[in-house]
């Protein structure tokens, strides 16, 4: 991918919203319902509100410094060493989280929608193609 490939604030907001809402629909209800029983709806609404506040924080900081990426923002705000550590943790978490979301989506699709389809085929179709973000195939 080239150095100039960036996503817009709107694209970040959409990705974060889909990730938050998707996880809150597919995974979290079972965990929350097991602990909170009949009061699970309260914690679900509170969790969604906190997640949306985090998204708004990212959008706000991104609008303040539209030319800087997440890593550069962290280094500018937190200093070089702490910013690098926080960026590494954040990017590592994002990588693991997206892998888990991809697996959850594959499991859900295979279990509920296409039970005779191998999960590998479903997951391959959910992977982003380089052509979807302006890249060249095979790069």
N, C-alpha and C. Protein backbone atom coordinates (compact mmCIF):
# COMPACT_ATOMS: atom_id res chain seq x y z
N UNK A 1 0.85 -1.16 0.00
CA UNK A 1 0.00 0.00 0.00
C UNK A 1 0.90 1.23 0.00
N UNK A 2 0.47 2.24 -0.70
CA UNK A 2 1.28 3.45 -0.79
C UNK A 2 1.21 4.24 0.50
N UNK A 3 2.16 5.15 0.67
CA UNK A 3 2.22 6.00 1.86
C UNK A 3 1.06 6.99 1.91
N UNK A 4 0.44 7.30 0.78
CA UNK A 4 -0.61 8.30 0.74
C UNK A 4 -2.00 7.74 1.00
N UNK A 5 -2.13 6.44 1.16
CA UNK A 5 -3.45 5.84 1.39
C UNK A 5 -3.91 6.17 2.80
N UNK A 6 -5.02 6.87 2.91
CA UNK A 6 -5.59 7.25 4.20
C UNK A 6 -7.09 7.08 4.12
N UNK A 7 -7.70 6.91 5.29
CA UNK A 7 -9.15 6.86 5.34
C UNK A 7 -9.64 8.19 5.91
N UNK A 8 -10.82 8.56 5.52
CA UNK A 8 -11.38 9.83 5.98
C UNK A 8 -11.97 9.65 7.38
N UNK A 9 -12.30 10.76 8.00
CA UNK A 9 -12.94 10.73 9.31
C UNK A 9 -14.27 9.98 9.23
N UNK A 10 -14.99 10.21 8.17
CA UNK A 10 -16.28 9.53 7.98
C UNK A 10 -16.09 8.02 7.86
N UNK A 11 -15.08 7.59 7.12
CA UNK A 11 -14.81 6.16 6.97
C UNK A 11 -14.42 5.54 8.31
N UNK A 12 -13.61 6.25 9.10
CA UNK A 12 -13.24 5.74 10.43
C UNK A 12 -14.48 5.61 11.30
N UNK A 13 -15.34 6.61 11.27
CA UNK A 13 -16.56 6.55 12.07
C UNK A 13 -17.45 5.38 11.66
N UNK A 14 -17.56 5.14 10.36
CA UNK A 14 -18.38 4.02 9.88
C UNK A 14 -17.77 2.68 10.31
N UNK A 15 -16.46 2.52 10.14
CA UNK A 15 -15.80 1.28 10.56
C UNK A 15 -15.95 1.03 12.05
N UNK A 16 -15.72 2.06 12.84
CA UNK A 16 -15.82 1.91 14.29
C UNK A 16 -17.25 1.61 14.72
N UNK A 17 -18.21 2.28 14.08
CA UNK A 17 -19.61 2.04 14.42
C UNK A 17 -20.03 0.62 14.07
N UNK A 18 -19.68 0.16 12.87
CA UNK A 18 -20.04 -1.20 12.47
C UNK A 18 -19.38 -2.23 13.39
N UNK A 19 -18.14 -1.99 13.75
CA UNK A 19 -17.44 -2.91 14.63
C UNK A 19 -18.11 -2.95 16.00
N UNK A 20 -18.43 -1.78 16.53
CA UNK A 20 -19.06 -1.71 17.85
C UNK A 20 -20.45 -2.32 17.84
N UNK A 21 -21.25 -1.96 16.87
CA UNK A 21 -22.62 -2.47 16.80
C UNK A 21 -22.60 -3.96 16.49
N UNK A 22 -21.75 -4.38 15.57
CA UNK A 22 -21.67 -5.80 15.22
C UNK A 22 -21.31 -6.67 16.40
N UNK A 23 -20.32 -6.24 17.18
CA UNK A 23 -19.93 -7.00 18.35
C UNK A 23 -21.03 -6.99 19.41
N UNK A 24 -21.70 -5.87 19.54
CA UNK A 24 -22.76 -5.80 20.55
C UNK A 24 -23.98 -6.61 20.16
N UNK A 25 -24.12 -6.95 18.89
CA UNK A 25 -25.25 -7.77 18.45
C UNK A 25 -24.89 -9.26 18.48
N UNK A 26 -23.68 -9.61 18.03
CA UNK A 26 -23.32 -11.02 17.87
C UNK A 26 -22.75 -11.68 19.12
N UNK A 27 -21.98 -10.96 19.92
CA UNK A 27 -21.23 -11.61 20.99
C UNK A 27 -21.68 -11.18 22.38
N UNK A 28 -21.72 -9.89 22.60
CA UNK A 28 -21.92 -9.38 23.95
C UNK A 28 -23.25 -9.72 24.60
N UNK A 29 -24.36 -9.84 23.86
CA UNK A 29 -25.61 -10.15 24.56
C UNK A 29 -25.55 -11.44 25.38
N UNK A 30 -24.90 -12.46 24.87
CA UNK A 30 -24.82 -13.71 25.62
C UNK A 30 -24.01 -13.54 26.90
N UNK A 31 -22.91 -12.79 26.81
CA UNK A 31 -22.07 -12.57 28.00
C UNK A 31 -22.82 -11.74 29.03
N UNK A 32 -23.42 -10.67 28.57
CA UNK A 32 -24.13 -9.76 29.48
C UNK A 32 -25.35 -10.44 30.08
N UNK A 33 -26.11 -11.16 29.29
CA UNK A 33 -27.31 -11.82 29.80
C UNK A 33 -26.96 -12.88 30.84
N UNK A 34 -25.82 -13.52 30.67
CA UNK A 34 -25.41 -14.52 31.65
C UNK A 34 -25.12 -13.91 33.01
N UNK A 35 -24.62 -12.70 33.04
CA UNK A 35 -24.27 -12.05 34.30
C UNK A 35 -25.41 -11.20 34.86
N UNK A 36 -26.03 -10.41 34.00
CA UNK A 36 -27.01 -9.42 34.48
C UNK A 36 -28.44 -9.95 34.51
N UNK A 37 -28.68 -11.08 33.89
CA UNK A 37 -30.01 -11.67 33.82
C UNK A 37 -31.02 -10.70 33.19
N UNK A 38 -32.09 -10.36 33.90
CA UNK A 38 -33.14 -9.54 33.30
C UNK A 38 -32.78 -8.05 33.20
N UNK A 39 -31.69 -7.63 33.81
CA UNK A 39 -31.24 -6.24 33.71
C UNK A 39 -30.18 -6.05 32.63
N UNK A 40 -30.04 -7.00 31.74
CA UNK A 40 -29.01 -6.93 30.69
C UNK A 40 -29.22 -5.75 29.77
N UNK A 41 -30.45 -5.33 29.55
CA UNK A 41 -30.71 -4.21 28.65
C UNK A 41 -30.07 -2.92 29.16
N UNK A 42 -29.98 -2.75 30.48
CA UNK A 42 -29.38 -1.53 31.04
C UNK A 42 -27.90 -1.47 30.69
N UNK A 43 -27.18 -2.56 30.94
CA UNK A 43 -25.75 -2.55 30.65
C UNK A 43 -25.48 -2.48 29.15
N UNK A 44 -26.37 -3.03 28.35
CA UNK A 44 -26.20 -2.94 26.90
C UNK A 44 -26.31 -1.50 26.43
N UNK A 45 -27.29 -0.77 26.92
CA UNK A 45 -27.45 0.63 26.53
C UNK A 45 -26.28 1.46 27.04
N UNK A 46 -25.85 1.24 28.28
CA UNK A 46 -24.70 1.97 28.81
C UNK A 46 -23.43 1.68 28.01
N UNK A 47 -23.21 0.42 27.68
CA UNK A 47 -22.04 0.04 26.89
C UNK A 47 -22.05 0.66 25.51
N UNK A 48 -23.21 0.69 24.88
CA UNK A 48 -23.33 1.32 23.56
C UNK A 48 -23.05 2.81 23.64
N UNK A 49 -23.55 3.46 24.69
CA UNK A 49 -23.31 4.90 24.84
C UNK A 49 -21.82 5.19 25.07
N UNK A 50 -21.16 4.39 25.89
CA UNK A 50 -19.73 4.59 26.12
C UNK A 50 -18.95 4.35 24.82
N UNK A 51 -19.30 3.31 24.09
CA UNK A 51 -18.64 3.04 22.82
C UNK A 51 -18.80 4.18 21.82
N UNK A 52 -20.00 4.74 21.74
CA UNK A 52 -20.23 5.86 20.84
C UNK A 52 -19.46 7.10 21.29
N UNK A 53 -19.31 7.29 22.60
CA UNK A 53 -18.49 8.41 23.10
C UNK A 53 -17.03 8.25 22.69
N UNK A 54 -16.53 7.03 22.74
CA UNK A 54 -15.15 6.78 22.30
C UNK A 54 -15.01 7.09 20.81
N UNK A 55 -15.98 6.69 20.02
CA UNK A 55 -15.96 6.99 18.58
C UNK A 55 -15.97 8.50 18.37
N UNK A 56 -16.82 9.22 19.10
CA UNK A 56 -16.86 10.68 18.99
C UNK A 56 -15.52 11.31 19.38
N UNK A 57 -14.86 10.76 20.39
CA UNK A 57 -13.55 11.26 20.78
C UNK A 57 -12.54 11.10 19.65
N UNK A 58 -12.52 9.94 19.00
CA UNK A 58 -11.62 9.72 17.88
C UNK A 58 -11.92 10.68 16.73
N UNK A 59 -13.20 10.86 16.43
CA UNK A 59 -13.58 11.77 15.35
C UNK A 59 -13.17 13.20 15.69
N UNK A 60 -13.40 13.63 16.92
CA UNK A 60 -13.05 14.98 17.36
C UNK A 60 -11.55 15.22 17.25
N UNK A 61 -10.76 14.30 17.77
CA UNK A 61 -9.29 14.45 17.69
C UNK A 61 -8.83 14.42 16.24
N UNK A 62 -9.45 13.57 15.43
CA UNK A 62 -9.10 13.50 14.01
C UNK A 62 -9.42 14.78 13.27
N UNK A 63 -10.51 15.44 13.62
CA UNK A 63 -10.85 16.71 12.97
C UNK A 63 -9.92 17.84 13.40
N UNK A 64 -9.41 17.76 14.62
CA UNK A 64 -8.47 18.78 15.10
C UNK A 64 -7.14 18.72 14.34
N UNK A 65 -6.73 17.53 13.97
CA UNK A 65 -5.45 17.31 13.29
C UNK A 65 -5.67 16.42 12.07
N UNK A 66 -6.29 16.93 11.02
CA UNK A 66 -6.66 16.07 9.89
C UNK A 66 -5.47 15.55 9.09
N UNK A 67 -4.32 16.15 9.20
CA UNK A 67 -3.15 15.73 8.43
C UNK A 67 -2.35 14.62 9.12
N UNK A 68 -2.64 14.36 10.41
CA UNK A 68 -1.88 13.38 11.16
C UNK A 68 -2.64 12.07 11.29
N UNK A 69 -1.89 10.97 11.27
CA UNK A 69 -2.47 9.66 11.51
C UNK A 69 -2.52 9.37 13.00
N UNK A 70 -3.05 8.22 13.37
CA UNK A 70 -3.20 7.86 14.77
C UNK A 70 -1.85 7.79 15.49
N UNK A 71 -0.87 7.18 14.86
CA UNK A 71 0.44 7.04 15.49
C UNK A 71 1.07 8.41 15.71
N UNK A 72 1.00 9.27 14.71
CA UNK A 72 1.58 10.61 14.85
C UNK A 72 0.85 11.42 15.92
N UNK A 73 -0.48 11.27 15.98
CA UNK A 73 -1.24 11.96 17.02
C UNK A 73 -0.83 11.50 18.41
N UNK A 74 -0.70 10.20 18.58
CA UNK A 74 -0.28 9.67 19.88
C UNK A 74 1.09 10.19 20.27
N UNK A 75 2.02 10.22 19.32
CA UNK A 75 3.36 10.72 19.62
C UNK A 75 3.34 12.20 19.96
N UNK A 76 2.51 12.96 19.27
CA UNK A 76 2.43 14.40 19.53
C UNK A 76 1.78 14.67 20.89
N UNK A 77 0.73 13.95 21.21
CA UNK A 77 -0.01 14.21 22.46
C UNK A 77 0.69 13.60 23.67
N UNK A 78 1.20 12.38 23.54
CA UNK A 78 1.74 11.65 24.69
C UNK A 78 3.27 11.63 24.76
N UNK A 79 3.95 12.13 23.75
CA UNK A 79 5.40 12.04 23.71
C UNK A 79 5.83 10.84 22.88
N UNK A 80 7.11 10.83 22.50
CA UNK A 80 7.58 9.80 21.57
C UNK A 80 7.48 8.38 22.13
N UNK A 81 7.99 8.14 23.32
CA UNK A 81 8.05 6.77 23.85
C UNK A 81 6.69 6.27 24.28
N UNK A 82 5.99 7.05 25.07
CA UNK A 82 4.66 6.62 25.54
C UNK A 82 3.70 6.52 24.35
N UNK A 83 3.77 7.47 23.43
CA UNK A 83 2.92 7.44 22.25
C UNK A 83 3.15 6.20 21.39
N UNK A 84 4.44 5.81 21.26
CA UNK A 84 4.77 4.61 20.48
C UNK A 84 4.23 3.36 21.16
N UNK A 85 4.36 3.28 22.47
CA UNK A 85 3.85 2.11 23.20
C UNK A 85 2.33 2.04 23.09
N UNK A 86 1.65 3.16 23.30
CA UNK A 86 0.19 3.18 23.21
C UNK A 86 -0.27 2.84 21.80
N UNK A 87 0.43 3.38 20.79
CA UNK A 87 0.07 3.08 19.39
C UNK A 87 0.26 1.60 19.10
N UNK A 88 1.34 1.01 19.59
CA UNK A 88 1.59 -0.42 19.38
C UNK A 88 0.50 -1.27 20.03
N UNK A 89 0.13 -0.91 21.25
CA UNK A 89 -0.93 -1.64 21.94
C UNK A 89 -2.26 -1.48 21.20
N UNK A 90 -2.56 -0.26 20.78
CA UNK A 90 -3.82 0.00 20.09
C UNK A 90 -3.89 -0.76 18.77
N UNK A 91 -2.82 -0.71 17.99
CA UNK A 91 -2.81 -1.39 16.69
C UNK A 91 -2.82 -2.91 16.86
N UNK A 92 -2.12 -3.42 17.88
CA UNK A 92 -2.16 -4.85 18.15
C UNK A 92 -3.54 -5.31 18.55
N UNK A 93 -4.20 -4.51 19.40
CA UNK A 93 -5.57 -4.84 19.80
C UNK A 93 -6.50 -4.81 18.59
N UNK A 94 -6.33 -3.79 17.73
CA UNK A 94 -7.19 -3.69 16.55
C UNK A 94 -7.00 -4.91 15.64
N UNK A 95 -5.77 -5.35 15.46
CA UNK A 95 -5.50 -6.52 14.63
C UNK A 95 -6.17 -7.77 15.21
N UNK A 96 -5.97 -8.01 16.49
CA UNK A 96 -6.59 -9.17 17.14
C UNK A 96 -8.11 -9.07 17.14
N UNK A 97 -8.63 -7.87 17.39
CA UNK A 97 -10.07 -7.67 17.44
C UNK A 97 -10.71 -7.91 16.07
N UNK A 98 -10.10 -7.41 15.02
CA UNK A 98 -10.67 -7.61 13.68
C UNK A 98 -10.61 -9.08 13.27
N UNK A 99 -9.56 -9.77 13.68
CA UNK A 99 -9.50 -11.21 13.42
C UNK A 99 -10.62 -11.95 14.15
N UNK A 100 -10.87 -11.55 15.40
CA UNK A 100 -11.95 -12.17 16.17
C UNK A 100 -13.31 -11.83 15.57
N UNK A 101 -13.48 -10.59 15.12
CA UNK A 101 -14.75 -10.20 14.49
C UNK A 101 -14.98 -10.98 13.20
N UNK A 102 -13.93 -11.16 12.43
CA UNK A 102 -14.05 -11.93 11.20
C UNK A 102 -14.47 -13.36 11.49
N UNK A 103 -13.87 -13.96 12.52
CA UNK A 103 -14.23 -15.32 12.91
C UNK A 103 -15.68 -15.38 13.41
N UNK A 104 -16.07 -14.42 14.24
CA UNK A 104 -17.45 -14.39 14.76
C UNK A 104 -18.46 -14.25 13.63
N UNK A 105 -18.15 -13.39 12.68
CA UNK A 105 -19.04 -13.20 11.54
C UNK A 105 -19.13 -14.48 10.72
N UNK A 106 -17.99 -15.15 10.52
CA UNK A 106 -18.00 -16.42 9.80
C UNK A 106 -18.79 -17.48 10.53
N UNK A 107 -18.59 -17.58 11.84
CA UNK A 107 -19.34 -18.56 12.64
C UNK A 107 -20.85 -18.28 12.57
N UNK A 108 -21.22 -17.02 12.71
CA UNK A 108 -22.63 -16.65 12.66
C UNK A 108 -23.23 -17.00 11.30
N UNK A 109 -22.52 -16.64 10.23
CA UNK A 109 -23.04 -16.89 8.88
C UNK A 109 -23.18 -18.39 8.61
N UNK A 110 -22.18 -19.16 9.00
CA UNK A 110 -22.22 -20.61 8.76
C UNK A 110 -23.28 -21.28 9.63
N UNK A 111 -23.43 -20.81 10.84
CA UNK A 111 -24.41 -21.42 11.75
C UNK A 111 -25.84 -21.07 11.39
N UNK A 112 -26.10 -19.79 11.08
CA UNK A 112 -27.46 -19.33 10.92
C UNK A 112 -27.95 -19.22 9.47
N UNK A 113 -27.05 -18.91 8.54
CA UNK A 113 -27.49 -18.60 7.18
C UNK A 113 -27.11 -19.68 6.18
N UNK A 114 -25.86 -20.13 6.23
CA UNK A 114 -25.35 -21.07 5.22
C UNK A 114 -24.69 -22.28 5.89
N UNK A 115 -25.48 -23.16 6.50
CA UNK A 115 -24.90 -24.25 7.29
C UNK A 115 -24.08 -25.26 6.49
N UNK A 116 -24.29 -25.38 5.19
CA UNK A 116 -23.54 -26.36 4.40
C UNK A 116 -22.26 -25.78 3.79
N UNK A 117 -21.99 -24.51 4.04
CA UNK A 117 -20.82 -23.84 3.46
C UNK A 117 -19.66 -23.90 4.45
N UNK A 118 -18.46 -24.25 3.98
CA UNK A 118 -17.31 -24.23 4.88
C UNK A 118 -17.01 -22.81 5.35
N UNK A 119 -16.60 -22.66 6.60
CA UNK A 119 -16.35 -21.33 7.16
C UNK A 119 -15.24 -20.61 6.39
N UNK A 120 -14.28 -21.37 5.85
CA UNK A 120 -13.19 -20.74 5.10
C UNK A 120 -13.71 -19.96 3.90
N UNK A 121 -14.70 -20.52 3.21
CA UNK A 121 -15.28 -19.84 2.04
C UNK A 121 -15.98 -18.55 2.45
N UNK A 122 -16.66 -18.58 3.57
CA UNK A 122 -17.35 -17.38 4.04
C UNK A 122 -16.34 -16.31 4.44
N UNK A 123 -15.32 -16.70 5.19
CA UNK A 123 -14.33 -15.74 5.68
C UNK A 123 -13.56 -15.12 4.51
N UNK A 124 -13.24 -15.89 3.50
CA UNK A 124 -12.53 -15.35 2.33
C UNK A 124 -13.35 -14.25 1.67
N UNK A 125 -14.65 -14.42 1.61
CA UNK A 125 -15.50 -13.41 0.98
C UNK A 125 -15.65 -12.14 1.81
N UNK A 126 -15.42 -12.24 3.12
CA UNK A 126 -15.50 -11.05 3.96
C UNK A 126 -14.18 -10.29 4.03
N UNK A 127 -13.09 -10.88 3.58
CA UNK A 127 -11.80 -10.19 3.58
C UNK A 127 -11.82 -9.05 2.59
N UNK A 128 -11.22 -7.90 2.95
CA UNK A 128 -11.23 -6.77 2.02
C UNK A 128 -10.30 -7.02 0.84
N UNK A 129 -10.76 -6.64 -0.32
CA UNK A 129 -9.95 -6.73 -1.52
C UNK A 129 -9.16 -5.44 -1.68
N UNK A 130 -7.93 -5.49 -2.16
CA UNK A 130 -7.18 -4.24 -2.39
C UNK A 130 -7.91 -3.28 -3.30
N UNK A 131 -8.71 -3.78 -4.22
CA UNK A 131 -9.43 -2.89 -5.13
C UNK A 131 -10.53 -2.11 -4.41
N UNK A 132 -10.95 -2.58 -3.20
CA UNK A 132 -11.98 -1.87 -2.45
C UNK A 132 -11.48 -0.56 -1.87
N UNK A 133 -10.17 -0.44 -1.66
CA UNK A 133 -9.63 0.80 -1.09
C UNK A 133 -8.65 1.49 -2.01
N UNK A 134 -8.74 1.22 -3.28
CA UNK A 134 -7.94 1.94 -4.26
C UNK A 134 -6.57 1.34 -4.55
N UNK A 135 -6.26 0.21 -3.93
CA UNK A 135 -4.97 -0.43 -4.20
C UNK A 135 -5.02 -1.26 -5.45
N UNK A 136 -3.89 -1.86 -5.79
CA UNK A 136 -3.82 -2.71 -6.97
C UNK A 136 -3.84 -4.16 -6.51
N UNK A 137 -4.49 -4.99 -7.27
CA UNK A 137 -4.56 -6.41 -6.93
C UNK A 137 -3.16 -6.98 -6.92
N UNK A 138 -2.89 -7.80 -5.90
CA UNK A 138 -1.59 -8.45 -5.80
C UNK A 138 -0.53 -7.60 -5.14
N UNK A 139 -0.87 -6.40 -4.69
CA UNK A 139 0.14 -5.57 -4.05
C UNK A 139 -0.01 -5.56 -2.56
